[in-house]
Amino acid sequence: MPKMKSKKAAAKRFKLTGSGKLKRSKAYKQHILTKKSAKTKRNLRKPAVTDATNVKTMKKILPYL
């Protein structure tokens, strides 16, 4: 049986926490930041936990995470 390959695009975007949850960065923080408030940009800085509905798919995409 050959080795399974990780989807590299997903591997760069998701990390596993100590408790086994998937951590991701939030969207909407790349450009057009002038119209966004400082509070919005500050909240977008913090990492988010991936929703439970997507975890099964993400574990399949990232077998060695």
PDB file of N, CA and C in Angstrom:
ATOM      1  N   MET A   1       0.849  -1.195   0.000  1.00  0.00           N
ATOM      2  CA  MET A   1       0.000   0.000   0.000  1.00  0.00           C
ATOM      3  C   MET A   1       0.887   1.248   0.000  1.00  0.00           C
ATOM      4  N   PRO A   2       0.707   2.141  -0.961  1.00  0.00           N
ATOM      5  CA  PRO A   2       1.527   3.355  -0.983  1.00  0.00           C
ATOM      6  C   PRO A   2       1.111   4.331   0.112  1.00  0.00           C
ATOM      7  N   LYS A   3       2.009   5.245   0.359  1.00  0.00           N
ATOM      8  CA  LYS A   3       1.712   6.275   1.355  1.00  0.00           C
ATOM      9  C   LYS A   3       0.588   7.181   0.858  1.00  0.00           C
ATOM     10  N   MET A   4      -0.240   7.639   1.791  1.00  0.00           N
ATOM     11  CA  MET A   4      -1.288   8.597   1.433  1.00  0.00           C
ATOM     12  C   MET A   4      -0.669   9.987   1.366  1.00  0.00           C
ATOM     13  N   LYS A   5      -1.175  10.805   0.464  1.00  0.00           N
ATOM     14  CA  LYS A   5      -0.653  12.157   0.323  1.00  0.00           C
ATOM     15  C   LYS A   5      -1.576  13.157   1.011  1.00  0.00           C
ATOM     16  N   SER A   6      -0.955  14.109   1.700  1.00  0.00           N
ATOM     17  CA  SER A   6      -1.713  15.216   2.273  1.00  0.00           C
ATOM     18  C   SER A   6      -1.975  16.237   1.188  1.00  0.00           C
ATOM     19  N   LYS A   7      -3.139  16.891   1.259  1.00  0.00           N
ATOM     20  CA  LYS A   7      -3.413  18.016   0.372  1.00  0.00           C
ATOM     21  C   LYS A   7      -2.626  19.201   0.906  1.00  0.00           C
ATOM     22  N   LYS A   8      -1.613  19.621   0.157  1.00  0.00           N
ATOM     23  CA  LYS A   8      -0.673  20.629   0.645  1.00  0.00           C
ATOM     24  C   LYS A   8      -1.332  21.978   0.898  1.00  0.00           C
ATOM     25  N   ALA A   9      -2.338  22.323   0.104  1.00  0.00           N
ATOM     26  CA  ALA A   9      -3.041  23.597   0.312  1.00  0.00           C
ATOM     27  C   ALA A   9      -3.707  23.608   1.683  1.00  0.00           C
ATOM     28  N   ALA A  10      -4.280  22.482   2.078  1.00  0.00           N
ATOM     29  CA  ALA A  10      -4.932  22.383   3.392  1.00  0.00           C
ATOM     30  C   ALA A  10      -3.899  22.285   4.509  1.00  0.00           C
ATOM     31  N   ALA A  11      -2.780  21.626   4.241  1.00  0.00           N
ATOM     32  CA  ALA A  11      -1.744  21.454   5.270  1.00  0.00           C
ATOM     33  C   ALA A  11      -1.142  22.794   5.679  1.00  0.00           C
ATOM     34  N   LYS A  12      -1.109  23.753   4.728  1.00  0.00           N
ATOM     35  CA  LYS A  12      -0.572  25.070   5.043  1.00  0.00           C
ATOM     36  C   LYS A  12      -1.554  25.919   5.833  1.00  0.00           C
ATOM     37  N   ARG A  13      -2.838  25.583   5.771  1.00  0.00           N
ATOM     38  CA  ARG A  13      -3.870  26.419   6.373  1.00  0.00           C
ATOM     39  C   ARG A  13      -4.371  25.928   7.717  1.00  0.00           C
ATOM     40  N   PHE A  14      -4.179  24.662   8.040  1.00  0.00           N
ATOM     41  CA  PHE A  14      -4.725  24.085   9.262  1.00  0.00           C
ATOM     42  C   PHE A  14      -3.626  23.510  10.140  1.00  0.00           C
ATOM     43  N   LYS A  15      -3.776  23.699  11.443  1.00  0.00           N
ATOM     44  CA  LYS A  15      -2.861  23.106  12.426  1.00  0.00           C
ATOM     45  C   LYS A  15      -3.708  22.395  13.470  1.00  0.00           C
ATOM     46  N   LEU A  16      -3.129  21.405  14.106  1.00  0.00           N
ATOM     47  CA  LEU A  16      -3.826  20.643  15.130  1.00  0.00           C
ATOM     48  C   LEU A  16      -3.463  21.193  16.503  1.00  0.00           C
ATOM     49  N   THR A  17      -4.470  21.394  17.343  1.00  0.00           N
ATOM     50  CA  THR A  17      -4.217  21.866  18.698  1.00  0.00           C
ATOM     51  C   THR A  17      -3.881  20.677  19.592  1.00  0.00           C
ATOM     52  N   GLY A  18      -3.503  20.949  20.821  1.00  0.00           N
ATOM     53  CA  GLY A  18      -3.156  19.889  21.758  1.00  0.00           C
ATOM     54  C   GLY A  18      -4.322  18.977  22.076  1.00  0.00           C
ATOM     55  N   SER A  19      -5.535  19.534  22.067  1.00  0.00           N
ATOM     56  CA  SER A  19      -6.723  18.732  22.386  1.00  0.00           C
ATOM     57  C   SER A  19      -7.283  18.023  21.157  1.00  0.00           C
ATOM     58  N   GLY A  20      -6.649  18.195  19.997  1.00  0.00           N
ATOM     59  CA  GLY A  20      -7.070  17.479  18.804  1.00  0.00           C
ATOM     60  C   GLY A  20      -8.010  18.252  17.895  1.00  0.00           C
ATOM     61  N   LYS A  21      -8.256  19.524  18.189  1.00  0.00           N
ATOM     62  CA  LYS A  21      -9.120  20.332  17.336  1.00  0.00           C
ATOM     63  C   LYS A  21      -8.291  20.939  16.206  1.00  0.00           C
ATOM     64  N   LEU A  22      -8.964  21.306  15.124  1.00  0.00           N
ATOM     65  CA  LEU A  22      -8.290  21.924  13.988  1.00  0.00           C
ATOM     66  C   LEU A  22      -8.367  23.439  14.113  1.00  0.00           C
ATOM     67  N   LYS A  23      -7.209  24.078  14.043  1.00  0.00           N
ATOM     68  CA  LYS A  23      -7.113  25.531  14.152  1.00  0.00           C
ATOM     69  C   LYS A  23      -6.901  26.108  12.759  1.00  0.00           C
ATOM     70  N   ARG A  24      -7.579  27.223  12.482  1.00  0.00           N
ATOM     71  CA  ARG A  24      -7.457  27.873  11.178  1.00  0.00           C
ATOM     72  C   ARG A  24      -7.413  29.381  11.386  1.00  0.00           C
ATOM     73  N   SER A  25      -6.923  30.087  10.366  1.00  0.00           N
ATOM     74  CA  SER A  25      -6.944  31.541  10.434  1.00  0.00           C
ATOM     75  C   SER A  25      -8.223  32.043   9.784  1.00  0.00           C
ATOM     76  N   LYS A  26      -8.659  33.230  10.172  1.00  0.00           N
ATOM     77  CA  LYS A  26      -9.916  33.782   9.675  1.00  0.00           C
ATOM     78  C   LYS A  26      -9.714  34.485   8.335  1.00  0.00           C
ATOM     79  N   ALA A  27     -10.787  34.572   7.584  1.00  0.00           N
ATOM     80  CA  ALA A  27     -10.770  35.233   6.271  1.00  0.00           C
ATOM     81  C   ALA A  27     -11.017  36.732   6.429  1.00  0.00           C
ATOM     82  N   TYR A  28     -10.962  37.454   5.313  1.00  0.00           N
ATOM     83  CA  TYR A  28     -11.255  38.894   5.225  1.00  0.00           C
ATOM     84  C   TYR A  28     -10.204  39.768   5.895  1.00  0.00           C
ATOM     85  N   LYS A  29      -8.955  39.325   5.984  1.00  0.00           N
ATOM     86  CA  LYS A  29      -7.905  40.123   6.611  1.00  0.00           C
ATOM     87  C   LYS A  29      -6.771  40.419   5.631  1.00  0.00           C
ATOM     88  N   GLN A  30      -6.990  40.219   4.333  1.00  0.00           N
ATOM     89  CA  GLN A  30      -5.910  40.362   3.360  1.00  0.00           C
ATOM     90  C   GLN A  30      -5.855  41.736   2.720  1.00  0.00           C
ATOM     91  N   HIS A  31      -6.987  42.255   2.248  1.00  0.00           N
ATOM     92  CA  HIS A  31      -6.975  43.551   1.559  1.00  0.00           C
ATOM     93  C   HIS A  31      -8.303  44.255   1.799  1.00  0.00           C
ATOM     94  N   ILE A  32      -8.408  45.478   1.313  1.00  0.00           N
ATOM     95  CA  ILE A  32      -9.559  46.375   1.554  1.00  0.00           C
ATOM     96  C   ILE A  32      -9.763  46.534   3.064  1.00  0.00           C
ATOM     97  N   LEU A  33      -8.691  46.902   3.752  1.00  0.00           N
ATOM     98  CA  LEU A  33      -8.744  47.011   5.206  1.00  0.00           C
ATOM     99  C   LEU A  33      -9.106  48.419   5.675  1.00  0.00           C
ATOM    100  N   THR A  34      -9.136  49.384   4.763  1.00  0.00           N
ATOM    101  CA  THR A  34      -9.399  50.764   5.181  1.00  0.00           C
ATOM    102  C   THR A  34     -10.831  50.949   5.651  1.00  0.00           C
ATOM    103  N   LYS A  35     -11.766  50.222   5.059  1.00  0.00           N
ATOM    104  CA  LYS A  35     -13.172  50.382   5.448  1.00  0.00           C
ATOM    105  C   LYS A  35     -13.560  49.509   6.649  1.00  0.00           C
ATOM    106  N   LYS A  36     -12.668  48.655   7.084  1.00  0.00           N
ATOM    107  CA  LYS A  36     -12.947  47.805   8.250  1.00  0.00           C
ATOM    108  C   LYS A  36     -12.481  48.507   9.512  1.00  0.00           C
ATOM    109  N   SER A  37     -13.260  48.353  10.568  1.00  0.00           N
ATOM    110  CA  SER A  37     -12.920  49.024  11.827  1.00  0.00           C
ATOM    111  C   SER A  37     -11.750  48.311  12.499  1.00  0.00           C
ATOM    112  N   ALA A  38     -11.128  49.017  13.432  1.00  0.00           N
ATOM    113  CA  ALA A  38      -9.992  48.449  14.161  1.00  0.00           C
ATOM    114  C   ALA A  38     -10.435  47.229  14.966  1.00  0.00           C
ATOM    115  N   LYS A  39     -11.647  47.282  15.497  1.00  0.00           N
ATOM    116  CA  LYS A  39     -12.180  46.157  16.279  1.00  0.00           C
ATOM    117  C   LYS A  39     -12.343  44.917  15.403  1.00  0.00           C
ATOM    118  N   THR A  40     -12.855  45.102  14.194  1.00  0.00           N
ATOM    119  CA  THR A  40     -13.028  43.980  13.270  1.00  0.00           C
ATOM    120  C   THR A  40     -11.687  43.360  12.915  1.00  0.00           C
ATOM    121  N   LYS A  41     -10.717  44.215  12.594  1.00  0.00           N
ATOM    122  CA  LYS A  41      -9.393  43.707  12.212  1.00  0.00           C
ATOM    123  C   LYS A  41      -8.703  43.011  13.370  1.00  0.00           C
ATOM    124  N   ARG A  42      -8.903  43.524  14.582  1.00  0.00           N
ATOM    125  CA  ARG A  42      -8.323  42.903  15.775  1.00  0.00           C
ATOM    126  C   ARG A  42      -8.924  41.521  16.008  1.00  0.00           C
ATOM    127  N   ASN A  43     -10.224  41.386  15.801  1.00  0.00           N
ATOM    128  CA  ASN A  43     -10.883  40.088  15.999  1.00  0.00           C
ATOM    129  C   ASN A  43     -10.509  39.083  14.908  1.00  0.00           C
ATOM    130  N   LEU A  44     -10.190  39.570  13.723  1.00  0.00           N
ATOM    131  CA  LEU A  44      -9.781  38.675  12.638  1.00  0.00           C
ATOM    132  C   LEU A  44      -8.381  38.121  12.850  1.00  0.00           C
ATOM    133  N   ARG A  45      -7.603  38.753  13.710  1.00  0.00           N
ATOM    134  CA  ARG A  45      -6.238  38.298  13.994  1.00  0.00           C
ATOM    135  C   ARG A  45      -6.208  36.953  14.713  1.00  0.00           C
ATOM    136  N   LYS A  46      -7.179  36.732  15.577  1.00  0.00           N
ATOM    137  CA  LYS A  46      -7.176  35.539  16.426  1.00  0.00           C
ATOM    138  C   LYS A  46      -7.518  34.293  15.605  1.00  0.00           C
ATOM    139  N   PRO A  47      -6.882  33.175  15.892  1.00  0.00           N
ATOM    140  CA  PRO A  47      -7.228  31.951  15.166  1.00  0.00           C
ATOM    141  C   PRO A  47      -8.597  31.435  15.583  1.00  0.00           C
ATOM    142  N   ALA A  48      -9.228  30.676  14.691  1.00  0.00           N
ATOM    143  CA  ALA A  48     -10.545  30.110  14.954  1.00  0.00           C
ATOM    144  C   ALA A  48     -10.444  28.594  14.920  1.00  0.00           C
ATOM    145  N   VAL A  49     -11.407  27.934  15.533  1.00  0.00           N
ATOM    146  CA  VAL A  49     -11.471  26.476  15.510  1.00  0.00           C
ATOM    147  C   VAL A  49     -12.394  26.069  14.369  1.00  0.00           C
ATOM    148  N   THR A  50     -11.986  25.071  13.599  1.00  0.00           N
ATOM    149  CA  THR A  50     -12.782  24.604  12.475  1.00  0.00           C
ATOM    150  C   THR A  50     -14.086  24.012  12.980  1.00  0.00           C
ATOM    151  N   ASP A  51     -15.164  24.266  12.251  1.00  0.00           N
ATOM    152  CA  ASP A  51     -16.486  23.789  12.629  1.00  0.00           C
ATOM    153  C   ASP A  51     -16.536  22.266  12.619  1.00  0.00           C
ATOM    154  N   ALA A  52     -17.342  21.713  13.511  1.00  0.00           N
ATOM    155  CA  ALA A  52     -17.413  20.258  13.674  1.00  0.00           C
ATOM    156  C   ALA A  52     -17.909  19.555  12.410  1.00  0.00           C
ATOM    157  N   THR A  53     -18.710  20.241  11.602  1.00  0.00           N
ATOM    158  CA  THR A  53     -19.230  19.622  10.379  1.00  0.00           C
ATOM    159  C   THR A  53     -18.141  19.378   9.346  1.00  0.00           C
ATOM    160  N   ASN A  54     -17.036  20.138   9.410  1.00  0.00           N
ATOM    161  CA  ASN A  54     -15.949  20.012   8.431  1.00  0.00           C
ATOM    162  C   ASN A  54     -14.785  19.162   8.915  1.00  0.00           C
ATOM    163  N   VAL A  55     -14.770  18.802  10.188  1.00  0.00           N
ATOM    164  CA  VAL A  55     -13.609  18.126  10.761  1.00  0.00           C
ATOM    165  C   VAL A  55     -13.363  16.769  10.109  1.00  0.00           C
ATOM    166  N   LYS A  56     -14.429  16.008   9.857  1.00  0.00           N
ATOM    167  CA  LYS A  56     -14.279  14.678   9.266  1.00  0.00           C
ATOM    168  C   LYS A  56     -13.619  14.767   7.888  1.00  0.00           C
ATOM    169  N   THR A  57     -14.049  15.729   7.089  1.00  0.00           N
ATOM    170  CA  THR A  57     -13.471  15.929   5.758  1.00  0.00           C
ATOM    171  C   THR A  57     -12.011  16.344   5.856  1.00  0.00           C
ATOM    172  N   MET A  58     -11.712  17.249   6.782  1.00  0.00           N
ATOM    173  CA  MET A  58     -10.351  17.749   6.920  1.00  0.00           C
ATOM    174  C   MET A  58      -9.394  16.652   7.393  1.00  0.00           C
ATOM    175  N   LYS A  59      -9.853  15.775   8.260  1.00  0.00           N
ATOM    176  CA  LYS A  59      -8.994  14.669   8.728  1.00  0.00           C
ATOM    177  C   LYS A  59      -8.698  13.708   7.576  1.00  0.00           C
ATOM    178  N   LYS A  60      -9.638  13.580   6.647  1.00  0.00           N
ATOM    179  CA  LYS A  60      -9.426  12.714   5.474  1.00  0.00           C
ATOM    180  C   LYS A  60      -8.411  13.345   4.515  1.00  0.00           C
ATOM    181  N   ILE A  61      -8.489  14.673   4.373  1.00  0.00           N
ATOM    182  CA  ILE A  61      -7.579  15.397   3.481  1.00  0.00           C
ATOM    183  C   ILE A  61      -6.160  15.423   4.057  1.00  0.00           C
ATOM    184  N   LEU A  62      -6.070  15.462   5.394  1.00  0.00           N
ATOM    185  CA  LEU A  62      -4.775  15.541   6.083  1.00  0.00           C
ATOM    186  C   LEU A  62      -4.558  14.277   6.928  1.00  0.00           C
ATOM    187  N   PRO A  63      -4.160  13.175   6.310  1.00  0.00           N
ATOM    188  CA  PRO A  63      -4.063  11.919   7.059  1.00  0.00           C
ATOM    189  C   PRO A  63      -2.962  11.893   8.110  1.00  0.00           C
ATOM    190  N   TYR A  64      -1.916  12.690   7.958  1.00  0.00           N
ATOM    191  CA  TYR A  64      -0.785  12.634   8.898  1.00  0.00           C
ATOM    192  C   TYR A  64      -0.742  13.834   9.841  1.00  0.00           C
ATOM    193  N   LEU A  65      -1.862  14.521   9.986  1.00  0.00           N
ATOM    194  CA  LEU A  65      -1.902  15.688  10.853  1.00  0.00           C
ATOM    195  C   LEU A  65      -1.921  15.280  12.314  1.00  0.00           C
TER     196      LEU A  65
END
